[in-house]
Amino acid sequence: MAMLLLLSGLMLLTQSPRSLGTEVTNCTENSVTTAACTLITCTAAQDGLPGRDGQGGREGPRGEKGDSGSPGAVGPTGLPGPVGPVGPKGDSGSAGEPGPKGDDGRPGPPGPPGVPGPAGREGPKGMQGNIGPQGKPGPKGEAGPKGEVGAPGMQGSSGTRGPTGPKGERGAPGERGAPGNAGVAGPAGATGPQGPLGARGPPGLKGDRGAPGDKGAKGESGLPDVTALRQQVESLKEQVQRLQGTLSHYKKAELFPDGRSVGDKIFKTAGFEKSFQDAQKICTQAGGQLPSPRSAAENQALHQLLVAQNKGAAFLSMTDSKTEGKFTYPSGEPLVYSNWAPGEPNDDRGGEDCVEIYDTDGKWNDQICEEQRLVVCEF
C-alpha cells in the first residue's frame, strides 16, 4: 500500500500545471506521518496568489525500499531459442538384452542372375575313383586307319579233329593251280613184253661195215611196248606230282587256324585283321588265296566262319581295279556267283575296288582296299 501512495505522489510531481488544465493555488501539508513517507496534498486555490514555478524545489530525500510486490501473472511462452551447438559424443551405453525372434518374412522374388565370376584356379588333383560298372557296348564305330603290319605270330598247336560234316553240294570247278615242281624220278620199271612189229621205216644211209658180232638168240620185237610204257610212266609222274601238291596243300591248311570246309575247299582264318594287300600276301605265303565263293554253299560256309569270329567282315579275292564296276577273280575270270547287298556295288566313297563279306547276313559290299578286315584264306 505504501508503495502505491509513493508512486502516486511521484506522478503528480512530474506533471506540469499546464498539462493538468487547472491552477494550483494552495498546497497544504497534511502530515500523515508514517514510517515510510510524508504525504503532501494539493487542492485548488481559493482566491489565493499564484504559486511559483515548481522548478525551484529541492529533491526530496530518497525513500526507503518498499516491500516486494506479489508476483505477476505468468507471461505467454516465449519463442524457442536457437539450436545450441552439438554436444560431445556420449559414452556408449551398455548392450541391451536381445529381443524376441521375429516371424519369418515371406520369401522375396528371385533376383536377376548374377554376372559369372572369373574362373577359379585349378584345384588339386583328386584321388582316383573306384572302377565303375561295365557300360553297355556302344554302336559299331567307323573303321580306323590302317595299322602297321604285325610280326608273324607263333604257330598254334593242332586242334582236335571235328566230326565229319554232311556232304555239301558239288562246288564249281576250282581255279587251275600253278604247276608244281618236278618230282624225283622213280626207279625204272620191269621190261614189258615185246610189242607188235612196227611199220618199216625209210632206208637209212649205208653205214660202214662193222665187225661181225656174236650171234644171239632170236627175240621178239618190243618197240611198241616200250613206247606205251613210257607214256604210262609220264602219266604216273603227273599223278604223283598232283598228289604231292594236294598233300602239301592240306598240310598247310591244317597248320592254319580255325576254318570251315565245303566240297574240296577249306576256309581258314588267323583271327586278326589286315588290309587287302597284306591279307592277300599272308594267304599266298600259307599256300592259299583270299576266298572266292563260287556258290551259295561256299558263301554260307564262309559266313558261318565269320559269325564264329564276330569280326564284322572279311575281304574276298575279287576286285574291279582293272575296270571300274567289273569285278573279276584273281585269274581275270568274270564272277560266276555273287551275293551283293541291296544297292551294291556303288563305289560310294570312290576307289572302292575290293569286296568284303558281312558277318551279319553274308552279303557283299564294295570297300576301300586299305581298310582293315578279318584275314580269311581259301585252301
Protein backbone atom coordinates (compact mmCIF):
# COMPACT_ATOMS: atom_id res chain seq x y z
CA MET A 1 0.00 0.00 0.00
CA ALA A 2 2.78 2.35 0.86
CA MET A 3 4.39 1.69 -2.45
CA LEU A 4 1.21 2.72 -4.29
CA LEU A 5 0.99 6.00 -2.40
CA LEU A 6 4.59 6.81 -3.18
CA LEU A 7 4.08 6.15 -6.88
CA SER A 8 1.02 8.37 -6.96
CA GLY A 9 2.92 11.26 -5.44
CA LEU A 10 5.75 10.95 -7.85
CA MET A 11 3.38 11.06 -10.82
CA LEU A 12 1.78 14.23 -9.60
CA LEU A 13 5.13 15.92 -9.08
CA THR A 14 6.36 15.14 -12.53
CA GLN A 15 3.28 16.59 -14.37
CA SER A 16 3.27 20.33 -15.14
CA PRO A 17 0.33 22.56 -14.24
CA ARG A 18 -0.38 23.16 -17.89
CA SER A 19 -0.90 19.61 -18.55
CA LEU A 20 -3.31 19.35 -15.75
CA GLY A 21 -5.53 22.18 -17.07
CA THR A 22 -6.01 23.61 -13.54
CA GLU A 23 -4.17 26.11 -11.49
CA VAL A 24 -2.61 25.12 -8.26
CA THR A 25 -3.31 27.87 -5.79
CA ASN A 26 -2.66 26.30 -2.50
CA CYS A 27 -0.75 23.45 -1.23
CA THR A 28 -1.16 22.21 2.25
CA GLU A 29 0.95 19.78 4.03
CA ASN A 30 -1.05 17.15 5.64
CA SER A 31 1.18 15.45 7.95
CA VAL A 32 0.43 11.87 7.73
CA THR A 33 3.34 10.59 9.48
CA THR A 34 4.18 7.03 8.79
CA ALA A 35 7.27 5.05 8.88
CA ALA A 36 7.61 5.38 5.14
CA CYS A 37 6.87 8.91 3.94
CA THR A 38 5.05 12.20 4.35
CA LEU A 39 2.07 12.79 2.05
CA ILE A 40 1.64 16.24 0.56
CA THR A 41 -1.71 17.07 -0.99
CA CYS A 42 -2.63 19.98 -3.14
CA THR A 43 -6.03 21.50 -3.52
CA ALA A 44 -7.35 24.13 -5.83
CA ALA A 45 -6.60 27.73 -4.78
CA GLN A 46 -9.32 29.64 -3.37
CA ASP A 47 -8.74 33.24 -4.06
CA GLY A 48 -5.02 32.93 -3.38
CA LEU A 49 -1.95 34.18 -5.17
CA PRO A 50 -0.48 32.28 -7.93
CA GLY A 51 2.25 29.95 -6.86
CA ARG A 52 5.77 29.79 -8.17
CA ASP A 53 7.05 27.57 -10.78
CA GLY A 54 7.82 24.25 -9.19
CA GLN A 55 11.21 24.12 -10.79
CA GLY A 56 12.96 25.67 -7.90
CA GLY A 57 12.01 22.92 -5.49
CA ARG A 58 14.63 20.63 -3.98
CA GLU A 59 14.89 16.97 -4.49
CA GLY A 60 13.35 15.24 -1.60
CA PRO A 61 15.10 12.56 0.34
CA ARG A 62 15.36 9.11 -1.19
CA GLY A 63 12.67 6.96 0.16
CA GLU A 64 13.33 3.57 1.60
CA LYS A 65 12.97 0.48 -0.49
CA GLY A 66 9.44 -0.75 -0.44
CA ASP A 67 8.34 -4.30 0.07
CA SER A 68 8.43 -6.67 -2.80
CA GLY A 69 5.19 -6.81 -4.70
CA SER A 70 3.35 -10.03 -5.36
CA PRO A 71 4.44 -11.91 -8.48
CA GLY A 72 2.59 -11.06 -11.64
CA ALA A 73 0.74 -13.48 -13.81
CA VAL A 74 2.77 -15.93 -15.86
CA GLY A 75 3.50 -14.45 -19.28
CA PRO A 76 2.99 -16.30 -22.57
CA THR A 77 5.55 -18.88 -23.66
CA GLY A 78 8.44 -17.25 -25.43
CA LEU A 79 9.71 -18.25 -28.85
CA PRO A 80 12.18 -21.20 -28.86
CA GLY A 81 15.74 -20.07 -28.83
CA PRO A 82 18.29 -21.01 -31.50
CA VAL A 83 19.57 -24.60 -31.58
CA GLY A 84 22.61 -24.92 -29.41
CA PRO A 85 25.85 -26.48 -30.59
CA VAL A 86 26.11 -30.30 -30.75
CA GLY A 87 27.49 -31.59 -27.54
CA PRO A 88 30.32 -34.09 -27.30
CA LYS A 89 29.55 -37.76 -28.05
CA GLY A 90 28.39 -39.55 -25.00
CA ASP A 91 29.73 -42.84 -23.78
CA SER A 92 28.25 -45.99 -25.33
CA GLY A 93 25.52 -47.43 -23.24
CA SER A 94 25.51 -50.99 -22.08
CA ALA A 95 24.21 -53.56 -24.58
CA GLY A 96 20.55 -54.29 -24.13
CA GLU A 97 19.09 -57.74 -23.91
CA PRO A 98 18.28 -59.35 -27.31
CA GLY A 99 14.66 -59.02 -28.27
CA PRO A 100 12.48 -62.00 -29.18
CA LYS A 101 12.96 -63.55 -32.61
CA GLY A 102 10.64 -62.06 -35.21
CA ASP A 103 8.43 -64.04 -37.54
CA ASP A 104 9.96 -65.23 -40.80
CA GLY A 105 9.04 -62.93 -43.62
CA ARG A 106 7.72 -64.19 -46.93
CA PRO A 107 10.46 -65.08 -49.43
CA GLY A 108 11.10 -62.28 -51.85
CA PRO A 109 11.07 -62.74 -55.62
CA PRO A 110 14.24 -64.30 -57.09
CA GLY A 111 16.79 -61.76 -58.04
CA PRO A 112 18.28 -61.48 -61.52
CA PRO A 113 21.11 -63.93 -62.30
CA GLY A 114 24.45 -62.62 -61.24
CA VAL A 115 27.32 -61.97 -63.57
CA PRO A 116 29.55 -65.08 -63.82
CA GLY A 117 32.62 -64.66 -61.69
CA PRO A 118 36.13 -65.14 -63.00
CA ALA A 119 37.32 -68.71 -63.46
CA GLY A 120 38.81 -70.08 -60.29
CA ARG A 121 42.24 -71.56 -60.08
CA GLU A 122 42.60 -75.21 -60.89
CA GLY A 123 42.14 -77.25 -57.77
CA PRO A 124 44.45 -80.03 -56.64
CA LYS A 125 44.22 -83.33 -58.46
CA GLY A 126 41.65 -85.59 -56.84
CA MET A 127 42.18 -89.18 -55.85
CA GLN A 128 41.42 -91.85 -58.42
CA GLY A 129 37.85 -93.07 -58.10
CA ASN A 130 36.68 -96.65 -57.99
CA ILE A 131 36.19 -98.52 -61.24
CA GLY A 132 32.59 -98.06 -62.36
CA PRO A 133 30.36 -100.84 -63.66
CA GLN A 134 30.89 -102.01 -67.19
CA GLY A 135 28.89 -99.91 -69.64
CA LYS A 136 26.73 -101.20 -72.41
CA PRO A 137 28.57 -101.81 -75.71
CA GLY A 138 28.33 -98.76 -77.93
CA PRO A 139 27.42 -98.75 -81.61
CA LYS A 140 29.93 -100.05 -84.06
CA GLY A 141 32.40 -97.27 -84.87
CA GLU A 142 33.86 -96.41 -88.21
CA ALA A 143 36.85 -98.37 -89.37
CA GLY A 144 40.09 -96.91 -88.06
CA PRO A 145 43.16 -96.09 -90.12
CA LYS A 146 45.29 -98.87 -91.48
CA GLY A 147 47.61 -100.25 -88.82
CA GLU A 148 51.15 -101.40 -89.32
CA VAL A 149 51.78 -104.97 -90.39
CA GLY A 150 52.31 -107.04 -87.26
CA ALA A 151 55.00 -109.60 -86.77
CA PRO A 152 54.04 -113.17 -87.74
CA GLY A 153 52.52 -114.98 -84.79
CA MET A 154 53.72 -118.26 -83.38
CA GLN A 155 52.22 -121.37 -84.86
CA GLY A 156 49.43 -122.72 -82.71
CA SER A 157 49.00 -126.33 -81.72
CA SER A 158 46.83 -128.53 -83.89
CA GLY A 159 43.24 -128.77 -82.69
CA THR A 160 41.28 -131.97 -82.27
CA ARG A 161 39.68 -133.26 -85.42
CA GLY A 162 35.98 -132.44 -85.52
CA PRO A 163 33.24 -134.82 -86.63
CA THR A 164 32.71 -135.28 -90.33
CA GLY A 165 30.09 -132.82 -91.57
CA PRO A 166 27.30 -133.63 -94.02
CA LYS A 167 28.26 -133.85 -97.64
CA GLY A 168 27.94 -130.44 -99.23
CA GLU A 169 26.80 -129.51 -102.67
CA ARG A 170 29.18 -130.04 -105.50
CA GLY A 171 31.09 -126.82 -105.97
CA ALA A 172 32.09 -125.17 -109.17
CA PRO A 173 35.45 -126.25 -110.62
CA GLY A 174 38.29 -124.56 -108.83
CA GLU A 175 40.85 -122.34 -110.45
CA ARG A 176 43.76 -124.08 -112.09
CA GLY A 177 46.70 -124.10 -109.71
CA ALA A 178 50.25 -123.21 -110.60
CA PRO A 179 52.27 -126.18 -111.93
CA GLY A 180 54.20 -127.93 -109.16
CA ASN A 181 57.88 -128.69 -109.08
CA ALA A 182 59.01 -131.81 -110.89
CA GLY A 183 59.28 -134.79 -108.54
CA VAL A 184 62.25 -137.12 -108.15
CA ALA A 185 62.43 -139.67 -110.95
CA GLY A 186 61.22 -143.11 -109.85
CA PRO A 187 63.10 -146.36 -110.41
CA ALA A 188 62.91 -147.96 -113.85
CA GLY A 189 60.06 -150.43 -114.22
CA ALA A 190 60.39 -154.02 -115.39
CA THR A 191 60.74 -154.61 -119.13
CA GLY A 192 57.36 -155.26 -120.67
CA PRO A 193 56.52 -157.81 -123.35
CA GLN A 194 57.62 -157.08 -126.85
CA GLY A 195 55.07 -155.13 -128.81
CA PRO A 196 53.90 -155.88 -132.34
CA LEU A 197 56.19 -155.18 -135.26
CA GLY A 198 56.06 -151.58 -136.31
CA ALA A 199 55.87 -150.20 -139.81
CA ARG A 200 59.03 -150.34 -141.78
CA GLY A 201 60.90 -147.09 -141.79
CA PRO A 202 62.62 -145.47 -144.74
CA PRO A 203 66.02 -146.89 -145.59
CA GLY A 204 68.90 -145.09 -143.99
CA LEU A 205 72.24 -144.20 -145.40
CA LYS A 206 74.54 -147.05 -145.80
CA GLY A 207 76.99 -147.21 -142.99
CA ASP A 208 80.40 -148.61 -142.63
CA ARG A 209 80.54 -152.31 -142.27
CA GLY A 210 81.12 -153.25 -138.70
CA ALA A 211 82.90 -156.15 -137.20
CA PRO A 212 80.74 -159.21 -137.01
CA GLY A 213 79.28 -159.82 -133.55
CA ASP A 214 78.34 -162.91 -131.71
CA LYS A 215 75.17 -164.45 -132.88
CA GLY A 216 72.43 -164.03 -130.30
CA ALA A 217 69.14 -165.73 -129.65
CA LYS A 218 66.26 -164.59 -131.69
CA GLY A 219 63.89 -162.37 -129.60
CA GLU A 220 60.50 -160.85 -130.06
CA SER A 221 60.13 -157.32 -131.31
CA GLY A 222 59.22 -154.92 -128.33
CA LEU A 223 59.35 -151.38 -129.69
CA PRO A 224 55.62 -150.71 -129.45
CA ASP A 225 55.52 -151.89 -125.77
CA VAL A 226 58.38 -149.55 -124.74
CA THR A 227 56.53 -146.51 -126.11
CA ALA A 228 53.35 -147.36 -124.20
CA LEU A 229 55.34 -147.95 -121.03
CA ARG A 230 56.94 -144.56 -121.29
CA GLN A 231 53.53 -142.96 -121.67
CA GLN A 232 52.30 -144.74 -118.56
CA VAL A 233 55.35 -143.61 -116.60
CA GLU A 234 54.77 -139.96 -117.57
CA SER A 235 51.12 -140.24 -116.55
CA LEU A 236 52.11 -141.70 -113.20
CA LYS A 237 54.62 -138.92 -112.67
CA GLU A 238 51.90 -136.32 -113.22
CA GLN A 239 49.57 -138.08 -110.79
CA VAL A 240 52.31 -138.28 -108.13
CA GLN A 241 53.03 -134.58 -108.54
CA ARG A 242 49.36 -133.73 -108.15
CA LEU A 243 49.10 -135.92 -105.07
CA GLN A 244 52.20 -134.36 -103.57
CA GLY A 245 50.83 -130.87 -104.23
CA THR A 246 47.45 -131.79 -102.76
CA LEU A 247 49.10 -133.31 -99.67
CA SER A 248 51.24 -130.21 -99.17
CA HIS A 249 48.16 -128.06 -99.71
CA TYR A 250 46.19 -129.86 -96.98
CA LYS A 251 49.16 -129.86 -94.60
CA LYS A 252 49.37 -126.06 -94.87
CA ALA A 253 45.63 -125.76 -94.43
CA GLU A 254 45.74 -127.91 -91.29
CA LEU A 255 48.52 -125.74 -89.84
CA PHE A 256 46.39 -122.61 -90.42
CA PRO A 257 43.95 -121.67 -87.55
CA ASP A 258 40.12 -122.05 -87.38
CA GLY A 259 38.21 -122.84 -90.55
CA ARG A 260 35.25 -124.37 -92.40
CA SER A 261 35.22 -126.86 -95.26
CA VAL A 262 32.80 -127.19 -98.16
CA GLY A 263 33.40 -129.63 -101.04
CA ASP A 264 37.09 -129.55 -101.92
CA LYS A 265 37.56 -126.09 -100.37
CA ILE A 266 38.68 -125.17 -96.86
CA PHE A 267 38.22 -121.63 -95.45
CA LYS A 268 40.60 -120.79 -92.59
CA THR A 269 41.20 -117.63 -90.56
CA ALA A 270 44.10 -116.42 -88.41
CA GLY A 271 41.75 -114.30 -86.24
CA PHE A 272 43.42 -110.92 -86.90
CA GLU A 273 42.63 -108.06 -89.30
CA LYS A 274 44.74 -106.71 -92.17
CA SER A 275 44.36 -104.65 -95.33
CA PHE A 276 43.52 -106.36 -98.63
CA GLN A 277 47.12 -106.40 -99.86
CA ASP A 278 48.52 -107.68 -96.54
CA ALA A 279 45.82 -110.35 -96.25
CA GLN A 280 46.49 -111.48 -99.83
CA LYS A 281 50.20 -111.79 -99.05
CA ILE A 282 49.54 -113.81 -95.87
CA CYS A 283 47.28 -116.27 -97.72
CA THR A 284 49.76 -116.69 -100.56
CA GLN A 285 52.57 -117.46 -98.10
CA ALA A 286 50.33 -120.08 -96.45
CA GLY A 287 49.72 -121.79 -99.80
CA GLY A 288 46.20 -120.45 -100.35
CA GLN A 289 44.46 -117.31 -101.55
CA LEU A 290 41.70 -114.95 -100.40
CA PRO A 291 38.21 -116.54 -100.51
CA SER A 292 36.49 -116.84 -103.90
CA PRO A 293 33.00 -118.23 -103.15
CA ARG A 294 31.54 -119.60 -106.39
CA SER A 295 28.26 -120.96 -104.99
CA ALA A 296 25.70 -120.32 -102.27
CA ALA A 297 27.08 -123.28 -100.28
CA GLU A 298 30.62 -121.87 -100.30
CA ASN A 299 29.30 -118.42 -99.35
CA GLN A 300 27.30 -119.97 -96.49
CA ALA A 301 30.34 -121.82 -95.14
CA LEU A 302 32.37 -118.59 -95.25
CA HIS A 303 29.53 -116.72 -93.50
CA GLN A 304 29.44 -119.30 -90.68
CA LEU A 305 33.17 -118.84 -90.13
CA LEU A 306 32.71 -115.05 -89.85
CA VAL A 307 29.83 -115.42 -87.37
CA ALA A 308 32.03 -117.56 -85.10
CA GLN A 309 34.80 -114.94 -85.21
CA ASN A 310 32.50 -111.90 -84.70
CA LYS A 311 34.87 -109.55 -86.52
CA GLY A 312 32.40 -107.73 -88.73
CA ALA A 313 33.62 -108.54 -92.24
CA ALA A 314 36.38 -110.16 -94.30
CA PHE A 315 37.90 -109.41 -97.69
CA LEU A 316 37.18 -111.63 -100.72
CA SER A 317 39.63 -112.14 -103.60
CA MET A 318 37.62 -110.28 -106.30
CA THR A 319 38.38 -106.69 -107.38
CA ASP A 320 37.43 -104.20 -110.10
CA SER A 321 40.81 -102.47 -110.09
CA LYS A 322 41.26 -103.07 -113.83
CA THR A 323 37.79 -101.94 -114.97
CA GLU A 324 35.52 -99.98 -112.65
CA GLY A 325 32.30 -101.88 -111.94
CA LYS A 326 33.55 -105.14 -113.49
CA PHE A 327 34.66 -107.46 -110.69
CA THR A 328 36.81 -110.47 -111.58
CA TYR A 329 38.65 -113.31 -109.84
CA PRO A 330 42.46 -113.07 -109.45
CA SER A 331 42.75 -115.17 -112.66
CA GLY A 332 40.79 -112.50 -114.59
CA GLU A 333 37.61 -114.59 -114.94
CA PRO A 334 34.26 -112.83 -114.53
CA LEU A 335 32.16 -113.76 -111.49
CA VAL A 336 30.09 -116.96 -111.72
CA TYR A 337 28.30 -116.21 -108.41
CA SER A 338 27.57 -113.03 -106.41
CA ASN A 339 25.65 -112.09 -103.27
CA TRP A 340 25.65 -108.28 -103.27
CA ALA A 341 23.78 -106.34 -100.60
CA PRO A 342 20.92 -104.10 -101.90
CA GLY A 343 22.31 -101.09 -103.76
CA GLU A 344 25.82 -102.58 -104.01
CA PRO A 345 28.34 -102.25 -105.52
CA ASN A 346 28.10 -98.42 -105.63
CA ASP A 347 31.72 -97.17 -105.28
CA ASP A 348 30.31 -94.86 -102.57
CA ARG A 349 33.49 -93.07 -101.47
CA GLY A 350 35.38 -93.54 -104.71
CA GLY A 351 38.15 -96.09 -105.03
CA GLU A 352 36.09 -98.96 -103.54
CA ASP A 353 37.82 -101.61 -105.64
CA CYS A 354 37.73 -104.53 -103.16
CA VAL A 355 34.90 -106.76 -101.92
CA GLU A 356 34.02 -107.59 -98.30
CA ILE A 357 31.50 -110.11 -96.92
CA TYR A 358 29.45 -109.19 -93.82
CA ASP A 359 29.21 -111.49 -90.82
CA THR A 360 25.58 -110.41 -90.25
CA ASP A 361 23.95 -111.91 -93.36
CA GLY A 362 26.76 -113.00 -95.71
CA LYS A 363 26.03 -110.15 -98.15
CA TRP A 364 28.77 -108.48 -100.20
CA ASN A 365 29.81 -104.83 -100.33
CA ASP A 366 32.46 -102.98 -102.32
CA GLN A 367 35.04 -101.46 -99.97
CA ILE A 368 38.29 -99.46 -99.95
CA CYS A 369 41.21 -101.89 -100.08
CA GLU A 370 43.13 -100.06 -97.33
CA GLU A 371 40.52 -100.84 -94.67
CA GLN A 372 41.33 -103.45 -92.01
CA ARG A 373 39.29 -106.66 -92.28
CA LEU A 374 39.47 -110.21 -90.87
CA VAL A 375 42.04 -112.35 -92.71
CA VAL A 376 40.39 -115.48 -94.18
CA CYS A 377 42.21 -117.76 -96.61
CA GLU A 378 40.88 -120.33 -99.05
CA PHE A 379 42.73 -123.67 -99.48
